[in-house]
C-alpha cells in the first residue's frame, strides 16, 4: 500500500521478472516534477492570469474546439497553443491524479524491459520519471504536436518518427494519447446499452481508430515486445472492445486492472 492509499495488484502478466518500485518512491518523484493538483477551474484561472485578455480568448476558442470536435487539427492546435505560451505545467497539475493512476501500473508492468517508445508523449513526463526512478531504460518519444516534439528535444529526449527502418523497442507506451483524437462527439460509446451490441468494437474503431493509429508503430516493436495502453474510459466494456480489436489484428491482448483504473497489455505475437 502506497501513499494516499494507492495500491497495485495484477496477475498473469506476460513477463515473470518484475522491476520493483514501491509506490512511495514513484509518488515522491512525481512531487518533484509536478506541483500540487489543480482543478480545471483553478488551472483556467491561472492561465487567465498569465495571458493577455485577447490571448485568453484565443485559448477559450481553441479549448471549445478541442472538447467538442477532437479532430487531429484541433488537438494539435490546442496543444501547440499550450506549449507556445508555457502552460504545460498547469495541464500536468490538472492531470496529477491520472498520472498517479497510470504510474502505479506502468512501473510495475515494465518488468525487465529496457527500451520504451512513448506515442503521444506530450511533455515527456514518463521519460522524466524513468530517468529518476526506473532502471536504465532507452527512452524515445513521439508526439503529433510539433511544439511538443521541440519541447522534449530541448529536454534531451530522443524523438522517433514512425519508420520501420529505425530502432525497435520492447515497450510501446500509449498513456491517454491514442484516444484524444476521436469522432465520438455525441458520447454514443459511453452508453452502457450500446456496449452490449455485437458490433460495438467496430463502431468504437470507426470513432477512435485505435488499431489504425497503432499500425505505423507496430514495426518498432522488437520480437515479443508489448504495447501498454491507457485511456481514461470509465466503462470496462470499452477496454474489452479494444482487446477484441487487437486480437482480430493478430495481437495477444488482455485487459489489466491496476488500482481503480484499467489498461491494455498486448503482444504482437503470441507468447510461448
Protein backbone atom coordinates (compact mmCIF):
# COMPACT_ATOMS: atom_id res chain seq x y z
CA UNK A 1 0.00 0.00 0.00
CA UNK A 2 1.48 3.34 -1.03
CA UNK A 3 0.85 6.90 -0.04
CA UNK A 4 -2.71 8.23 -0.44
CA UNK A 5 -3.97 4.65 -0.23
CA UNK A 6 -2.73 3.71 -3.68
CA UNK A 7 -2.39 0.00 -4.22
CA UNK A 8 -1.38 -2.06 -7.21
CA UNK A 9 -2.30 -5.68 -7.81
CA UNK A 10 -2.25 -7.55 -11.11
CA UNK A 11 -1.50 -11.10 -12.10
CA UNK A 12 -0.83 -13.15 -15.19
CA UNK A 13 1.36 -10.60 -16.94
CA UNK A 14 3.46 -11.65 -19.91
CA UNK A 15 6.75 -11.16 -18.09
CA UNK A 16 7.93 -13.00 -15.00
CA UNK A 17 10.71 -10.75 -13.76
CA UNK A 18 9.37 -7.61 -12.09
CA UNK A 19 11.30 -4.41 -11.60
CA UNK A 20 10.38 -3.48 -8.04
CA UNK A 21 9.35 0.10 -7.44
CA UNK A 22 7.40 0.96 -4.33
CA UNK A 23 4.51 3.39 -4.61
CA UNK A 24 6.10 5.88 -2.23
CA UNK A 25 9.22 6.35 -4.36
CA UNK A 26 7.21 6.93 -7.52
CA UNK A 27 4.94 9.47 -5.83
CA UNK A 28 7.86 11.31 -4.24
CA UNK A 29 9.50 11.75 -7.64
CA UNK A 30 6.19 12.84 -9.13
CA UNK A 31 6.06 15.51 -6.41
CA UNK A 32 9.46 16.73 -7.58
CA UNK A 33 8.24 17.11 -11.15
CA UNK A 34 4.63 18.24 -10.76
CA UNK A 35 3.30 20.81 -8.30
CA UNK A 36 0.13 20.02 -6.32
CA UNK A 37 -3.04 19.23 -8.19
CA UNK A 38 -5.28 21.94 -9.65
CA UNK A 39 -8.93 21.56 -10.53
CA UNK A 40 -9.74 22.53 -14.12
CA UNK A 41 -11.33 25.77 -12.90
CA UNK A 42 -8.18 26.64 -10.93
CA UNK A 43 -5.97 25.83 -13.91
CA UNK A 44 -8.05 28.07 -16.19
CA UNK A 45 -7.92 30.95 -13.70
CA UNK A 46 -4.14 30.64 -13.58
CA UNK A 47 -3.99 30.62 -17.38
CA UNK A 48 -6.12 33.75 -17.49
CA UNK A 49 -3.73 35.48 -15.08
CA UNK A 50 -0.73 34.61 -17.30
CA UNK A 51 -2.25 35.59 -20.65
CA UNK A 52 -3.44 38.86 -22.10
CA UNK A 53 -7.20 39.22 -22.48
CA UNK A 54 -7.08 38.70 -26.25
CA UNK A 55 -4.79 35.68 -25.94
CA UNK A 56 -7.01 34.13 -23.27
CA UNK A 57 -9.98 34.47 -25.63
CA UNK A 58 -7.97 32.51 -28.22
CA UNK A 59 -7.35 29.82 -25.59
CA UNK A 60 -11.07 29.58 -24.83
CA UNK A 61 -11.91 29.19 -28.52
CA UNK A 62 -9.26 26.53 -29.05
CA UNK A 63 -10.35 24.68 -25.94
CA UNK A 64 -14.00 24.63 -27.05
CA UNK A 65 -12.95 23.13 -30.38
CA UNK A 66 -10.70 20.63 -28.60
CA UNK A 67 -13.51 19.46 -26.32
CA UNK A 68 -16.33 19.33 -28.85
CA UNK A 69 -14.58 18.17 -32.01
CA UNK A 70 -11.46 16.08 -31.44
CA UNK A 71 -10.06 16.25 -34.97
CA UNK A 72 -6.27 15.92 -35.44
CA UNK A 73 -6.08 19.58 -36.43
CA UNK A 74 -7.99 20.80 -33.35
CA UNK A 75 -5.94 18.63 -30.99
CA UNK A 76 -2.63 19.82 -32.46
CA UNK A 77 -3.71 23.49 -32.44
CA UNK A 78 -4.79 23.29 -28.80
CA UNK A 79 -1.57 21.68 -27.60
CA UNK A 80 0.52 23.91 -29.83
CA UNK A 81 -1.01 26.92 -28.08
CA UNK A 82 -0.31 25.37 -24.67
CA UNK A 83 3.40 24.89 -25.44
CA UNK A 84 3.74 28.23 -27.22
CA UNK A 85 2.54 30.03 -24.08
CA UNK A 86 4.26 27.82 -21.48
CA UNK A 87 1.07 26.47 -19.92
CA UNK A 88 2.01 22.77 -19.91
CA UNK A 89 2.78 22.82 -16.19
CA UNK A 90 -0.85 23.70 -15.48
CA UNK A 91 -2.12 20.80 -17.58
CA UNK A 92 0.19 18.45 -15.68
CA UNK A 93 -1.12 19.74 -12.37
CA UNK A 94 -4.69 19.22 -13.56
CA UNK A 95 -3.79 15.67 -14.68
CA UNK A 96 -1.91 14.83 -11.49
CA UNK A 97 -4.45 12.24 -10.19
CA UNK A 98 -4.43 10.50 -13.55
CA UNK A 99 -0.61 10.45 -13.60
CA UNK A 100 -0.71 8.65 -10.26
CA UNK A 101 -3.18 6.08 -11.59
CA UNK A 102 -1.11 5.32 -14.67
CA UNK A 103 2.26 5.40 -12.93
CA UNK A 104 1.48 2.74 -10.37
CA UNK A 105 0.52 0.36 -13.18
CA UNK A 106 3.26 1.36 -15.61
CA UNK A 107 6.29 0.96 -13.41
CA UNK A 108 5.16 -2.37 -12.01
CA UNK A 109 4.36 -3.67 -15.51
CA UNK A 110 7.66 -2.55 -17.01
CA UNK A 111 9.32 -5.72 -15.78
CA UNK A 112 12.73 -6.48 -17.25
CA UNK A 113 12.11 -4.31 -20.34
CA UNK A 114 14.86 -1.80 -21.01
CA UNK A 115 13.60 0.15 -24.02
CA UNK A 116 10.44 2.26 -24.26
CA UNK A 117 8.93 4.25 -27.12
CA UNK A 118 6.12 6.54 -26.00
CA UNK A 119 3.48 7.57 -28.52
CA UNK A 120 1.72 10.86 -27.78
CA UNK A 121 4.30 11.74 -25.16
CA UNK A 122 3.30 15.36 -24.51
CA UNK A 123 5.88 16.81 -22.12
CA UNK A 124 7.78 13.53 -21.80
CA UNK A 125 6.72 13.17 -18.16
CA UNK A 126 7.15 9.37 -18.26
CA UNK A 127 10.62 9.76 -19.71
CA UNK A 128 11.49 12.14 -16.87
CA UNK A 129 10.18 9.66 -14.30
CA UNK A 130 12.11 6.80 -15.90
CA UNK A 131 15.27 8.88 -15.59
CA UNK A 132 14.60 9.28 -11.88
CA UNK A 133 13.04 6.08 -10.60
CA UNK A 134 13.22 3.41 -13.27
CA UNK A 135 16.01 1.09 -14.31
CA UNK A 136 18.33 2.26 -17.07
CA UNK A 137 15.92 2.44 -19.99
CA UNK A 138 16.42 3.56 -23.58
CA UNK A 139 13.51 6.01 -23.88
CA UNK A 140 12.33 7.69 -27.07
CA UNK A 141 9.19 9.66 -27.75
CA UNK A 142 6.87 10.91 -30.44
CA UNK A 143 4.01 13.40 -30.43
CA UNK A 144 1.94 14.68 -33.35
CA UNK A 145 2.27 18.22 -31.97
CA UNK A 146 5.42 19.87 -33.34
CA UNK A 147 5.73 22.16 -30.31
CA UNK A 148 5.66 19.12 -28.04
CA UNK A 149 8.44 17.44 -30.02
CA UNK A 150 10.53 20.61 -29.82
CA UNK A 151 9.90 20.83 -26.06
CA UNK A 152 11.01 17.22 -25.50
CA UNK A 153 14.02 17.55 -27.80
CA UNK A 154 15.16 20.59 -25.80
CA UNK A 155 14.99 18.42 -22.65
CA UNK A 156 17.33 15.87 -24.17
CA UNK A 157 14.84 13.22 -25.27
CA UNK A 158 15.22 11.26 -28.48
CA UNK A 159 12.38 11.84 -30.92
CA UNK A 160 11.35 8.83 -33.00
CA UNK A 161 9.29 9.23 -36.18
CA UNK A 162 7.25 6.27 -37.49
CA UNK A 163 9.76 4.49 -39.73
CA UNK A 164 10.17 0.67 -39.86
CA UNK A 165 13.88 1.08 -40.63
CA UNK A 166 14.52 2.80 -37.32
CA UNK A 167 15.10 1.47 -33.83
CA UNK A 168 12.93 -1.19 -32.24
CA UNK A 169 11.75 -1.18 -28.63
CA UNK A 170 10.48 -3.66 -26.07
CA UNK A 171 7.60 -1.41 -24.98
CA UNK A 172 5.25 0.90 -26.87
CA UNK A 173 3.68 3.17 -24.24
CA UNK A 174 0.40 4.91 -25.06
CA UNK A 175 -0.71 6.82 -21.97
CA UNK A 176 -4.02 8.60 -22.64
CA UNK A 177 -2.84 9.51 -26.13
CA UNK A 178 -4.38 7.41 -28.91
CA UNK A 179 -7.95 8.26 -27.92
CA UNK A 180 -7.59 12.04 -27.80
CA UNK A 181 -8.41 12.35 -31.50
CA UNK A 182 -11.84 10.83 -31.99
CA UNK A 183 -15.24 11.26 -33.59
CA UNK A 184 -17.43 10.44 -30.59
CA UNK A 185 -18.90 13.94 -30.16
CA UNK A 186 -22.30 12.58 -29.08
CA UNK A 187 -20.75 10.26 -26.42
CA UNK A 188 -22.52 7.30 -28.03
CA UNK A 189 -19.82 4.91 -26.80
CA UNK A 190 -20.37 5.72 -23.14
CA UNK A 191 -23.97 4.48 -23.15
CA UNK A 192 -23.87 1.06 -21.35
CA UNK A 193 -26.56 -0.49 -23.54
CA UNK A 194 -24.51 0.23 -26.67
CA UNK A 195 -21.53 -1.66 -25.28
CA UNK A 196 -23.53 -4.91 -25.32
CA UNK A 197 -24.03 -4.71 -29.09
CA UNK A 198 -22.07 -7.29 -31.11
CA UNK A 199 -20.87 -4.55 -33.47
CA UNK A 200 -19.68 -2.29 -30.64
CA UNK A 201 -15.94 -2.95 -31.29
CA UNK A 202 -16.37 -1.98 -34.95
CA UNK A 203 -18.24 1.23 -34.11
CA UNK A 204 -15.60 2.03 -31.50
CA UNK A 205 -12.83 1.66 -34.09
CA UNK A 206 -14.73 3.86 -36.55
CA UNK A 207 -14.89 6.61 -33.95
CA UNK A 208 -11.48 6.21 -32.27
CA UNK A 209 -9.25 4.40 -34.75
CA UNK A 210 -7.05 2.84 -32.07
CA UNK A 211 -5.91 -0.04 -34.28
CA UNK A 212 -5.27 2.24 -37.24
CA UNK A 213 -3.18 4.55 -35.04
CA UNK A 214 -1.08 1.66 -33.75
CA UNK A 215 -0.29 0.20 -37.18
CA UNK A 216 2.53 2.63 -38.13
CA UNK A 217 4.30 1.80 -34.87
CA UNK A 218 4.00 -1.99 -34.88
CA UNK A 219 7.27 -2.32 -36.81
CA UNK A 220 9.02 -0.53 -33.94
CA UNK A 221 8.32 -3.42 -31.56
CA UNK A 222 11.06 -5.95 -31.01
CA UNK A 223 10.03 -9.62 -31.30
CA UNK A 224 7.98 -10.36 -28.20
CA UNK A 225 7.58 -6.65 -27.42
CA UNK A 226 4.49 -5.27 -25.73
CA UNK A 227 2.05 -2.38 -26.03
CA UNK A 228 0.86 -0.80 -22.76
CA UNK A 229 -2.20 1.30 -23.48
CA UNK A 230 -4.09 3.51 -21.06
CA UNK A 231 -7.20 5.53 -21.88
CA UNK A 232 -9.50 7.25 -19.37
CA UNK A 233 -12.59 5.26 -20.30
CA UNK A 234 -14.72 4.65 -17.20
CA UNK A 235 -16.53 1.67 -18.73
CA UNK A 236 -14.68 -1.65 -18.82
CA UNK A 237 -16.74 -2.61 -21.87
CA UNK A 238 -14.66 -0.18 -23.92
CA UNK A 239 -11.44 -1.92 -22.88
CA UNK A 240 -12.94 -5.27 -23.84
CA UNK A 241 -13.74 -3.80 -27.26
CA UNK A 242 -10.11 -2.70 -27.68
CA UNK A 243 -8.98 -6.19 -26.66
CA UNK A 244 -11.25 -7.77 -29.29
CA UNK A 245 -9.96 -5.39 -31.97
CA UNK A 246 -6.34 -6.12 -31.12
CA UNK A 247 -6.94 -9.86 -31.18
CA UNK A 248 -8.55 -9.57 -34.61
CA UNK A 249 -5.47 -7.70 -35.78
CA UNK A 250 -3.16 -10.50 -34.64
CA UNK A 251 -2.20 -9.28 -31.17
CA UNK A 252 -2.33 -11.28 -27.97
CA UNK A 253 -4.22 -8.83 -25.75
CA UNK A 254 -5.52 -8.63 -22.18
CA UNK A 255 -7.37 -6.11 -20.05
CA UNK A 256 -5.46 -5.48 -16.82
CA UNK A 257 -6.76 -3.92 -13.60
CA UNK A 258 -4.46 -1.64 -11.63
CA UNK A 259 -5.93 0.02 -8.56
CA UNK A 260 -9.05 1.85 -9.70
CA UNK A 261 -8.14 2.00 -13.37
CA UNK A 262 -7.63 -0.42 -16.25
CA UNK A 263 -5.24 -0.70 -19.17
CA UNK A 264 -4.45 -2.94 -22.12
CA UNK A 265 -1.36 -5.11 -22.31
CA UNK A 266 -0.77 -6.62 -25.76
CA UNK A 267 1.95 -8.55 -27.52
CA UNK A 268 2.33 -8.52 -31.28
CA UNK A 269 2.92 -12.26 -31.40
CA UNK A 270 1.69 -15.00 -29.04
CA UNK A 271 3.91 -15.84 -26.08
CA UNK A 272 5.31 -19.36 -25.93
